[in-house]
């Protein structure tokens, strides 16, 4: 994985890379390569059912890193296919931004890591009578969860196949806790956290467009925080989009200097 010295930062980055893709692939044709010298993690899903094609790297500093990046990018330029590059950095402004713009990418967003102390969290939000929170336990649940994700997000950093992989891994491992909220039995909002050694990492806080602006994501997040605290965890982390940042901040999350600068190329 990428070489970051701070333990918390490394845990968050490793999670980001590991769970961007199906963590339980079975000869699915995906090519995953880590180049330790150039600090580039590369996923090519052209021969896979996955929709994810992405590279994740540290800041590009040396000429060899730029040369390797260009070698990867040319594959997608040649085939005129969408591709995403994420630069993980301690700054929102990266020196390689000009390089990516020159190669036809756009800087789509910068997402930021945030952490919270669960000892400071005490709020419990009630659900309305027509709302339920259901843990993902069956394949039918997986489909409902996945449908909300598909309707709510751009999929440039989400492998929809991974939810099947997580379902299989849960049969034998304590890997994550995944839930969805229904309104009148219709799946409306989702969320989950992954178990790490000293903390949990929240992901996939999403609400279908038809159910937005009702505070459902806050209820799901509240449920996850309450559950993690009951399990004995004291710290929680997540990676916030610009849209989600205000909600997380209100709930006590604080940003740390760990940024994921996202560049996209589309045809």
C-alpha atoms as a PDB file:
ATOM      1  CA  UNK A   1       0.000   0.000   0.000  1.00  0.00           C
ATOM      2  CA  UNK A   2       1.008   3.653  -0.159  1.00  0.00           C
ATOM      3  CA  UNK A   3       3.844   4.612   2.151  1.00  0.00           C
ATOM      4  CA  UNK A   4       2.438   6.939   4.832  1.00  0.00           C
ATOM      5  CA  UNK A   5       4.104   6.986   8.247  1.00  0.00           C
ATOM      6  CA  UNK A   6       1.230   8.217  10.428  1.00  0.00           C
ATOM      7  CA  UNK A   7      -0.716   5.176  11.656  1.00  0.00           C
ATOM      8  CA  UNK A   8      -4.167   6.776  11.421  1.00  0.00           C
ATOM      9  CA  UNK A   9      -3.512   8.153   7.948  1.00  0.00           C
ATOM     10  CA  UNK A  10      -2.150   4.808   6.763  1.00  0.00           C
ATOM     11  CA  UNK A  11      -5.215   2.959   8.113  1.00  0.00           C
ATOM     12  CA  UNK A  12      -7.585   5.311   6.276  1.00  0.00           C
ATOM     13  CA  UNK A  13      -5.612   5.115   3.018  1.00  0.00           C
ATOM     14  CA  UNK A  14      -5.336   1.322   3.146  1.00  0.00           C
ATOM     15  CA  UNK A  15      -9.096   1.107   3.712  1.00  0.00           C
ATOM     16  CA  UNK A  16      -9.752   3.474   0.785  1.00  0.00           C
ATOM     17  CA  UNK A  17      -7.709   1.316  -1.570  1.00  0.00           C
ATOM     18  CA  UNK A  18      -8.830  -2.083  -0.267  1.00  0.00           C
ATOM     19  CA  UNK A  19     -12.559  -1.403  -0.306  1.00  0.00           C
ATOM     20  CA  UNK A  20     -12.729   0.577  -3.530  1.00  0.00           C
ATOM     21  CA  UNK A  21     -12.842  -2.767  -5.289  1.00  0.00           C
ATOM     22  CA  UNK A  22     -14.453  -6.122  -4.672  1.00  0.00           C
ATOM     23  CA  UNK A  23     -12.434  -7.486  -1.721  1.00  0.00           C
ATOM     24  CA  UNK A  24     -13.422 -11.042  -2.631  1.00  0.00           C
ATOM     25  CA  UNK A  25     -12.890 -11.383  -6.404  1.00  0.00           C
ATOM     26  CA  UNK A  26     -13.101 -14.869  -7.910  1.00  0.00           C
ATOM     27  CA  UNK A  27     -11.374 -14.907 -11.308  1.00  0.00           C
ATOM     28  CA  UNK A  28     -13.329 -11.832 -12.330  1.00  0.00           C
ATOM     29  CA  UNK A  29     -10.740 -10.594 -14.817  1.00  0.00           C
ATOM     30  CA  UNK A  30      -9.790  -7.468 -12.902  1.00  0.00           C
ATOM     31  CA  UNK A  31      -6.120  -6.466 -12.946  1.00  0.00           C
ATOM     32  CA  UNK A  32      -4.848  -4.916  -9.699  1.00  0.00           C
ATOM     33  CA  UNK A  33      -1.222  -3.790  -9.602  1.00  0.00           C
ATOM     34  CA  UNK A  34       0.747  -2.003  -6.912  1.00  0.00           C
ATOM     35  CA  UNK A  35       3.980  -0.322  -7.955  1.00  0.00           C
ATOM     36  CA  UNK A  36       5.883   0.319  -4.691  1.00  0.00           C
ATOM     37  CA  UNK A  37       8.740   2.235  -6.326  1.00  0.00           C
ATOM     38  CA  UNK A  38       6.413   4.785  -7.905  1.00  0.00           C
ATOM     39  CA  UNK A  39       3.760   4.555  -5.172  1.00  0.00           C
ATOM     40  CA  UNK A  40       0.910   3.892  -7.614  1.00  0.00           C
ATOM     41  CA  UNK A  41      -1.984   1.470  -7.042  1.00  0.00           C
ATOM     42  CA  UNK A  42      -3.674   0.679 -10.362  1.00  0.00           C
ATOM     43  CA  UNK A  43      -6.984  -1.078 -11.085  1.00  0.00           C
ATOM     44  CA  UNK A  44      -7.936  -2.108 -14.622  1.00  0.00           C
ATOM     45  CA  UNK A  45     -11.418  -3.631 -14.928  1.00  0.00           C
ATOM     46  CA  UNK A  46     -11.743  -3.792 -18.711  1.00  0.00           C
ATOM     47  CA  UNK A  47     -12.030  -7.601 -18.644  1.00  0.00           C
ATOM     48  CA  UNK A  48     -14.204  -7.631 -15.521  1.00  0.00           C
ATOM     49  CA  UNK A  49     -17.840  -7.107 -14.569  1.00  0.00           C
ATOM     50  CA  UNK A  50     -16.614  -4.248 -12.393  1.00  0.00           C
ATOM     51  CA  UNK A  51     -17.150  -0.642 -13.447  1.00  0.00           C
ATOM     52  CA  UNK A  52     -14.046   0.667 -11.647  1.00  0.00           C
ATOM     53  CA  UNK A  53     -10.930   1.829 -13.479  1.00  0.00           C
ATOM     54  CA  UNK A  54      -8.720   3.947 -11.261  1.00  0.00           C
ATOM     55  CA  UNK A  55      -5.205   4.709 -10.067  1.00  0.00           C
ATOM     56  CA  UNK A  56      -4.427   5.884  -6.542  1.00  0.00           C
ATOM     57  CA  UNK A  57      -1.043   7.424  -5.829  1.00  0.00           C
ATOM     58  CA  UNK A  58       0.960   9.674  -3.576  1.00  0.00           C
ATOM     59  CA  UNK A  59       2.075  13.006  -4.987  1.00  0.00           C
ATOM     60  CA  UNK A  60       3.932  12.589  -8.270  1.00  0.00           C
ATOM     61  CA  UNK A  61       7.410  13.987  -7.632  1.00  0.00           C
ATOM     62  CA  UNK A  62      10.005  12.211  -9.751  1.00  0.00           C
ATOM     63  CA  UNK A  63      10.204  12.009 -13.522  1.00  0.00           C
ATOM     64  CA  UNK A  64       9.876   8.220 -13.270  1.00  0.00           C
ATOM     65  CA  UNK A  65       6.546   8.660 -11.481  1.00  0.00           C
ATOM     66  CA  UNK A  66       5.300  11.009 -14.195  1.00  0.00           C
ATOM     67  CA  UNK A  67       6.488   8.627 -16.901  1.00  0.00           C
ATOM     68  CA  UNK A  68       4.678   5.711 -15.256  1.00  0.00           C
ATOM     69  CA  UNK A  69       1.519   7.780 -14.828  1.00  0.00           C
ATOM     70  CA  UNK A  70       1.619   8.736 -18.509  1.00  0.00           C
ATOM     71  CA  UNK A  71       2.101   5.086 -19.492  1.00  0.00           C
ATOM     72  CA  UNK A  72      -1.068   4.147 -17.573  1.00  0.00           C
ATOM     73  CA  UNK A  73      -3.086   7.114 -18.829  1.00  0.00           C
ATOM     74  CA  UNK A  74      -2.230   6.447 -22.504  1.00  0.00           C
ATOM     75  CA  UNK A  75      -4.113   3.124 -22.349  1.00  0.00           C
ATOM     76  CA  UNK A  76      -7.346   4.946 -21.593  1.00  0.00           C
ATOM     77  CA  UNK A  77      -6.689   7.789 -23.988  1.00  0.00           C
ATOM     78  CA  UNK A  78      -6.045   5.304 -26.782  1.00  0.00           C
ATOM     79  CA  UNK A  79      -9.294   3.449 -26.101  1.00  0.00           C
ATOM     80  CA  UNK A  80     -11.203   6.683 -25.358  1.00  0.00           C
ATOM     81  CA  UNK A  81     -12.561   5.273 -22.112  1.00  0.00           C
ATOM     82  CA  UNK A  82     -13.262   6.983 -18.769  1.00  0.00           C
ATOM     83  CA  UNK A  83     -10.562   6.770 -16.131  1.00  0.00           C
ATOM     84  CA  UNK A  84     -10.000   8.233 -12.664  1.00  0.00           C
ATOM     85  CA  UNK A  85      -6.799   9.164 -10.857  1.00  0.00           C
ATOM     86  CA  UNK A  86      -6.731   9.939  -7.118  1.00  0.00           C
ATOM     87  CA  UNK A  87      -3.741  11.714  -5.603  1.00  0.00           C
ATOM     88  CA  UNK A  88      -3.490  11.266  -1.829  1.00  0.00           C
ATOM     89  CA  UNK A  89      -1.763  14.209  -0.211  1.00  0.00           C
ATOM     90  CA  UNK A  90      -1.492  16.423   2.858  1.00  0.00           C
ATOM     91  CA  UNK A  91      -2.628  19.363   0.725  1.00  0.00           C
ATOM     92  CA  UNK A  92      -5.647  20.288  -1.392  1.00  0.00           C
ATOM     93  CA  UNK A  93      -3.349  21.839  -3.978  1.00  0.00           C
ATOM     94  CA  UNK A  94      -1.061  19.339  -5.674  1.00  0.00           C
ATOM     95  CA  UNK A  95       1.812  20.117  -8.023  1.00  0.00           C
ATOM     96  CA  UNK A  96       0.687  17.446 -10.478  1.00  0.00           C
ATOM     97  CA  UNK A  97      -2.660  19.158 -11.135  1.00  0.00           C
ATOM     98  CA  UNK A  98      -1.268  20.901 -14.234  1.00  0.00           C
ATOM     99  CA  UNK A  99      -0.037  17.535 -15.555  1.00  0.00           C
ATOM    100  CA  UNK A 100      -3.489  15.945 -15.302  1.00  0.00           C
ATOM    101  CA  UNK A 101      -5.253  18.945 -16.828  1.00  0.00           C
ATOM    102  CA  UNK A 102      -2.806  18.872 -19.747  1.00  0.00           C
ATOM    103  CA  UNK A 103      -3.662  15.195 -20.328  1.00  0.00           C
ATOM    104  CA  UNK A 104      -7.378  15.972 -20.581  1.00  0.00           C
ATOM    105  CA  UNK A 105      -8.506  15.298 -17.006  1.00  0.00           C
ATOM    106  CA  UNK A 106     -10.740  17.527 -14.933  1.00  0.00           C
ATOM    107  CA  UNK A 107     -10.304  18.017 -11.193  1.00  0.00           C
ATOM    108  CA  UNK A 108     -13.742  16.767 -10.156  1.00  0.00           C
ATOM    109  CA  UNK A 109     -13.469  17.106  -6.380  1.00  0.00           C
ATOM    110  CA  UNK A 110     -11.284  16.892  -3.310  1.00  0.00           C
ATOM    111  CA  UNK A 111     -12.486  14.644  -0.515  1.00  0.00           C
ATOM    112  CA  UNK A 112     -11.034  14.862   2.967  1.00  0.00           C
ATOM    113  CA  UNK A 113     -10.502  12.479   5.869  1.00  0.00           C
ATOM    114  CA  UNK A 114     -12.311  13.290   9.122  1.00  0.00           C
ATOM    115  CA  UNK A 115     -12.264  11.718  12.578  1.00  0.00           C
ATOM    116  CA  UNK A 116     -14.524  11.866  15.622  1.00  0.00           C
ATOM    117  CA  UNK A 117     -14.289  10.868  19.276  1.00  0.00           C
ATOM    118  CA  UNK A 118     -17.194   8.552  20.108  1.00  0.00           C
ATOM    119  CA  UNK A 119     -16.840   9.413  23.786  1.00  0.00           C
ATOM    120  CA  UNK A 120     -18.228  12.842  22.872  1.00  0.00           C
ATOM    121  CA  UNK A 121     -21.190  11.399  20.976  1.00  0.00           C
ATOM    122  CA  UNK A 122     -24.466  10.900  22.856  1.00  0.00           C
ATOM    123  CA  UNK A 123     -27.298  11.901  20.517  1.00  0.00           C
ATOM    124  CA  UNK A 124     -29.870   9.258  19.556  1.00  0.00           C
ATOM    125  CA  UNK A 125     -32.300  10.147  16.780  1.00  0.00           C
ATOM    126  CA  UNK A 126     -35.739   8.464  16.752  1.00  0.00           C
ATOM    127  CA  UNK A 127     -37.174   7.021  13.551  1.00  0.00           C
ATOM    128  CA  UNK A 128     -40.609   7.886  12.231  1.00  0.00           C
ATOM    129  CA  UNK A 129     -43.250   5.138  12.306  1.00  0.00           C
ATOM    130  CA  UNK A 130     -42.862   4.457   8.591  1.00  0.00           C
ATOM    131  CA  UNK A 131     -39.038   4.228   8.808  1.00  0.00           C
ATOM    132  CA  UNK A 132     -36.937   1.165   9.616  1.00  0.00           C
ATOM    133  CA  UNK A 133     -33.218   0.443   9.703  1.00  0.00           C
ATOM    134  CA  UNK A 134     -32.357  -3.035   8.468  1.00  0.00           C
ATOM    135  CA  UNK A 135     -28.991  -4.780   8.644  1.00  0.00           C
ATOM    136  CA  UNK A 136     -27.785  -6.277   5.360  1.00  0.00           C
ATOM    137  CA  UNK A 137     -27.936 -10.035   5.886  1.00  0.00           C
ATOM    138  CA  UNK A 138     -29.291 -11.610   2.691  1.00  0.00           C
ATOM    139  CA  UNK A 139     -28.674 -11.273  -1.040  1.00  0.00           C
ATOM    140  CA  UNK A 140     -32.012  -9.466  -1.288  1.00  0.00           C
ATOM    141  CA  UNK A 141     -30.693  -6.952   1.237  1.00  0.00           C
ATOM    142  CA  UNK A 142     -27.514  -6.568  -0.816  1.00  0.00           C
ATOM    143  CA  UNK A 143     -29.581  -5.719  -3.892  1.00  0.00           C
ATOM    144  CA  UNK A 144     -31.577  -3.096  -1.976  1.00  0.00           C
ATOM    145  CA  UNK A 145     -28.428  -1.522  -0.546  1.00  0.00           C
ATOM    146  CA  UNK A 146     -26.721  -1.599  -3.929  1.00  0.00           C
ATOM    147  CA  UNK A 147     -29.708   0.011  -5.676  1.00  0.00           C
ATOM    148  CA  UNK A 148     -29.538   3.048  -3.377  1.00  0.00           C
ATOM    149  CA  UNK A 149     -25.793   3.409  -4.000  1.00  0.00           C
ATOM    150  CA  UNK A 150     -26.286   3.150  -7.758  1.00  0.00           C
ATOM    151  CA  UNK A 151     -28.990   5.831  -7.738  1.00  0.00           C
ATOM    152  CA  UNK A 152     -27.157   8.204  -5.395  1.00  0.00           C
ATOM    153  CA  UNK A 153     -23.530   8.403  -6.491  1.00  0.00           C
ATOM    154  CA  UNK A 154     -21.281   8.937  -9.425  1.00  0.00           C
ATOM    155  CA  UNK A 155     -19.621   5.532  -9.737  1.00  0.00           C
ATOM    156  CA  UNK A 156     -16.105   6.705 -10.582  1.00  0.00           C
ATOM    157  CA  UNK A 157     -14.820   5.489  -7.201  1.00  0.00           C
ATOM    158  CA  UNK A 158     -17.323   2.747  -6.425  1.00  0.00           C
ATOM    159  CA  UNK A 159     -17.135  -0.863  -7.583  1.00  0.00           C
ATOM    160  CA  UNK A 160     -20.744  -2.086  -7.512  1.00  0.00           C
ATOM    161  CA  UNK A 161     -19.501  -5.681  -7.535  1.00  0.00           C
ATOM    162  CA  UNK A 162     -17.843  -5.220  -4.158  1.00  0.00           C
ATOM    163  CA  UNK A 163     -21.140  -5.496  -2.289  1.00  0.00           C
ATOM    164  CA  UNK A 164     -21.467  -9.115  -3.389  1.00  0.00           C
ATOM    165  CA  UNK A 165     -17.895  -9.735  -2.281  1.00  0.00           C
ATOM    166  CA  UNK A 166     -18.546  -8.216   1.144  1.00  0.00           C
ATOM    167  CA  UNK A 167     -21.656 -10.375   1.511  1.00  0.00           C
ATOM    168  CA  UNK A 168     -19.595 -13.526   0.929  1.00  0.00           C
ATOM    169  CA  UNK A 169     -16.801 -12.428   3.266  1.00  0.00           C
ATOM    170  CA  UNK A 170     -19.278 -11.707   6.070  1.00  0.00           C
ATOM    171  CA  UNK A 171     -20.100 -15.398   6.235  1.00  0.00           C
ATOM    172  CA  UNK A 172     -16.686 -16.155   7.705  1.00  0.00           C
ATOM    173  CA  UNK A 173     -15.192 -12.812   8.790  1.00  0.00           C
ATOM    174  CA  UNK A 174     -16.053  -9.832  10.926  1.00  0.00           C
ATOM    175  CA  UNK A 175     -15.430  -7.297   8.179  1.00  0.00           C
ATOM    176  CA  UNK A 176     -18.155  -4.664   8.260  1.00  0.00           C
ATOM    177  CA  UNK A 177     -21.587  -3.636   9.519  1.00  0.00           C
ATOM    178  CA  UNK A 178     -23.933  -2.595   6.722  1.00  0.00           C
ATOM    179  CA  UNK A 179     -27.468  -1.169   6.965  1.00  0.00           C
ATOM    180  CA  UNK A 180     -30.151   0.528   4.921  1.00  0.00           C
ATOM    181  CA  UNK A 181     -33.108   2.654   5.969  1.00  0.00           C
ATOM    182  CA  UNK A 182     -36.537   2.135   4.426  1.00  0.00           C
ATOM    183  CA  UNK A 183     -39.453   4.544   4.175  1.00  0.00           C
ATOM    184  CA  UNK A 184     -42.760   2.707   3.774  1.00  0.00           C
ATOM    185  CA  UNK A 185     -40.678  -0.424   3.032  1.00  0.00           C
ATOM    186  CA  UNK A 186     -38.835   1.303   0.158  1.00  0.00           C
ATOM    187  CA  UNK A 187     -34.993   1.403   0.463  1.00  0.00           C
ATOM    188  CA  UNK A 188     -34.091   5.065   0.836  1.00  0.00           C
ATOM    189  CA  UNK A 189     -30.723   5.511   2.563  1.00  0.00           C
ATOM    190  CA  UNK A 190     -27.600   3.469   3.289  1.00  0.00           C
ATOM    191  CA  UNK A 191     -24.497   3.369   5.440  1.00  0.00           C
ATOM    192  CA  UNK A 192     -21.873   1.024   6.786  1.00  0.00           C
ATOM    193  CA  UNK A 193     -18.683   0.866   8.758  1.00  0.00           C
ATOM    194  CA  UNK A 194     -15.606  -1.310   8.429  1.00  0.00           C
ATOM    195  CA  UNK A 195     -13.916  -2.797  11.466  1.00  0.00           C
ATOM    196  CA  UNK A 196     -10.289  -1.775  11.921  1.00  0.00           C
ATOM    197  CA  UNK A 197      -8.002  -2.501  14.875  1.00  0.00           C
ATOM    198  CA  UNK A 198      -8.530   0.719  16.812  1.00  0.00           C
ATOM    199  CA  UNK A 199     -11.456   2.375  15.074  1.00  0.00           C
ATOM    200  CA  UNK A 200     -14.288   1.949  12.618  1.00  0.00           C
ATOM    201  CA  UNK A 201     -14.395   3.649   9.220  1.00  0.00           C
ATOM    202  CA  UNK A 202     -17.767   4.809   7.939  1.00  0.00           C
ATOM    203  CA  UNK A 203     -18.630   4.576   4.255  1.00  0.00           C
ATOM    204  CA  UNK A 204     -21.492   4.635   1.748  1.00  0.00           C
ATOM    205  CA  UNK A 205     -23.663   7.240   3.460  1.00  0.00           C
ATOM    206  CA  UNK A 206     -26.140   7.730   0.625  1.00  0.00           C
ATOM    207  CA  UNK A 207     -29.764   8.692   0.048  1.00  0.00           C
ATOM    208  CA  UNK A 208     -31.767   8.060  -3.113  1.00  0.00           C
ATOM    209  CA  UNK A 209     -32.730  11.297  -4.902  1.00  0.00           C
ATOM    210  CA  UNK A 210     -36.465  10.828  -4.198  1.00  0.00           C
ATOM    211  CA  UNK A 211     -35.804  10.749  -0.447  1.00  0.00           C
ATOM    212  CA  UNK A 212     -33.266  13.517  -0.021  1.00  0.00           C
ATOM    213  CA  UNK A 213     -33.689  16.578   2.215  1.00  0.00           C
ATOM    214  CA  UNK A 214     -35.504  14.544   4.901  1.00  0.00           C
ATOM    215  CA  UNK A 215     -32.616  13.964   7.298  1.00  0.00           C
ATOM    216  CA  UNK A 216     -32.405  10.254   6.497  1.00  0.00           C
ATOM    217  CA  UNK A 217     -28.622  10.193   6.044  1.00  0.00           C
ATOM    218  CA  UNK A 218     -28.261  11.789   9.471  1.00  0.00           C
ATOM    219  CA  UNK A 219     -30.433   9.050  10.987  1.00  0.00           C
ATOM    220  CA  UNK A 220     -28.371   6.302   9.344  1.00  0.00           C
ATOM    221  CA  UNK A 221     -25.120   7.938  10.450  1.00  0.00           C
ATOM    222  CA  UNK A 222     -26.504   8.361  13.966  1.00  0.00           C
ATOM    223  CA  UNK A 223     -27.374   4.667  14.056  1.00  0.00           C
ATOM    224  CA  UNK A 224     -23.866   3.704  12.923  1.00  0.00           C
ATOM    225  CA  UNK A 225     -22.197   5.922  15.515  1.00  0.00           C
ATOM    226  CA  UNK A 226     -24.453   4.602  18.282  1.00  0.00           C
ATOM    227  CA  UNK A 227     -23.769   0.998  17.236  1.00  0.00           C
ATOM    228  CA  UNK A 228     -20.001   1.486  17.071  1.00  0.00           C
ATOM    229  CA  UNK A 229     -19.991   3.105  20.503  1.00  0.00           C
ATOM    230  CA  UNK A 230     -22.000   0.220  21.979  1.00  0.00           C
ATOM    231  CA  UNK A 231     -19.404  -2.164  20.530  1.00  0.00           C
ATOM    232  CA  UNK A 232     -16.719  -0.381  22.536  1.00  0.00           C
ATOM    233  CA  UNK A 233     -15.061   1.665  19.808  1.00  0.00           C
ATOM    234  CA  UNK A 234     -13.835   5.105  20.813  1.00  0.00           C
ATOM    235  CA  UNK A 235     -12.770   6.565  17.476  1.00  0.00           C
ATOM    236  CA  UNK A 236     -14.417   6.722  14.079  1.00  0.00           C
ATOM    237  CA  UNK A 237     -13.177   7.998  10.722  1.00  0.00           C
ATOM    238  CA  UNK A 238     -14.596   8.657   7.273  1.00  0.00           C
ATOM    239  CA  UNK A 239     -13.718  10.346   3.999  1.00  0.00           C
ATOM    240  CA  UNK A 240     -16.043  13.273   3.341  1.00  0.00           C
ATOM    241  CA  UNK A 241     -17.246  14.614   0.035  1.00  0.00           C
ATOM    242  CA  UNK A 242     -17.836  18.380  -0.142  1.00  0.00           C
ATOM    243  CA  UNK A 243     -21.592  17.668   0.040  1.00  0.00           C
ATOM    244  CA  UNK A 244     -21.319  15.510   3.156  1.00  0.00           C
ATOM    245  CA  UNK A 245     -18.755  17.640   5.004  1.00  0.00           C
ATOM    246  CA  UNK A 246     -21.250  20.015   6.732  1.00  0.00           C
ATOM    247  CA  UNK A 247     -23.302  17.122   8.167  1.00  0.00           C
ATOM    248  CA  UNK A 248     -20.244  15.315   9.485  1.00  0.00           C
ATOM    249  CA  UNK A 249     -18.898  18.507  11.020  1.00  0.00           C
ATOM    250  CA  UNK A 250     -22.182  19.099  12.855  1.00  0.00           C
ATOM    251  CA  UNK A 251     -21.947  15.592  14.311  1.00  0.00           C
ATOM    252  CA  UNK A 252     -18.499  16.255  15.745  1.00  0.00           C
ATOM    253  CA  UNK A 253     -16.171  15.062  12.992  1.00  0.00           C
ATOM    254  CA  UNK A 254     -12.998  17.074  12.542  1.00  0.00           C
ATOM    255  CA  UNK A 255     -10.910  17.194   9.353  1.00  0.00           C
ATOM    256  CA  UNK A 256      -7.326  16.016   9.316  1.00  0.00           C
ATOM    257  CA  UNK A 257      -4.690  16.927   6.736  1.00  0.00           C
ATOM    258  CA  UNK A 258      -5.334  13.985   4.458  1.00  0.00           C
ATOM    259  CA  UNK A 259      -6.816  14.871   1.087  1.00  0.00           C
ATOM    260  CA  UNK A 260      -7.892  12.716  -1.856  1.00  0.00           C
ATOM    261  CA  UNK A 261      -7.692  14.844  -4.999  1.00  0.00           C
ATOM    262  CA  UNK A 262      -9.853  13.255  -7.680  1.00  0.00           C
ATOM    263  CA  UNK A 263      -9.165  13.686 -11.392  1.00  0.00           C
ATOM    264  CA  UNK A 264     -11.422  12.285 -14.141  1.00  0.00           C
ATOM    265  CA  UNK A 265     -11.122  11.848 -17.864  1.00  0.00           C
ATOM    266  CA  UNK A 266     -14.268  11.115 -19.881  1.00  0.00           C
ATOM    267  CA  UNK A 267     -15.051  10.675 -23.563  1.00  0.00           C
END
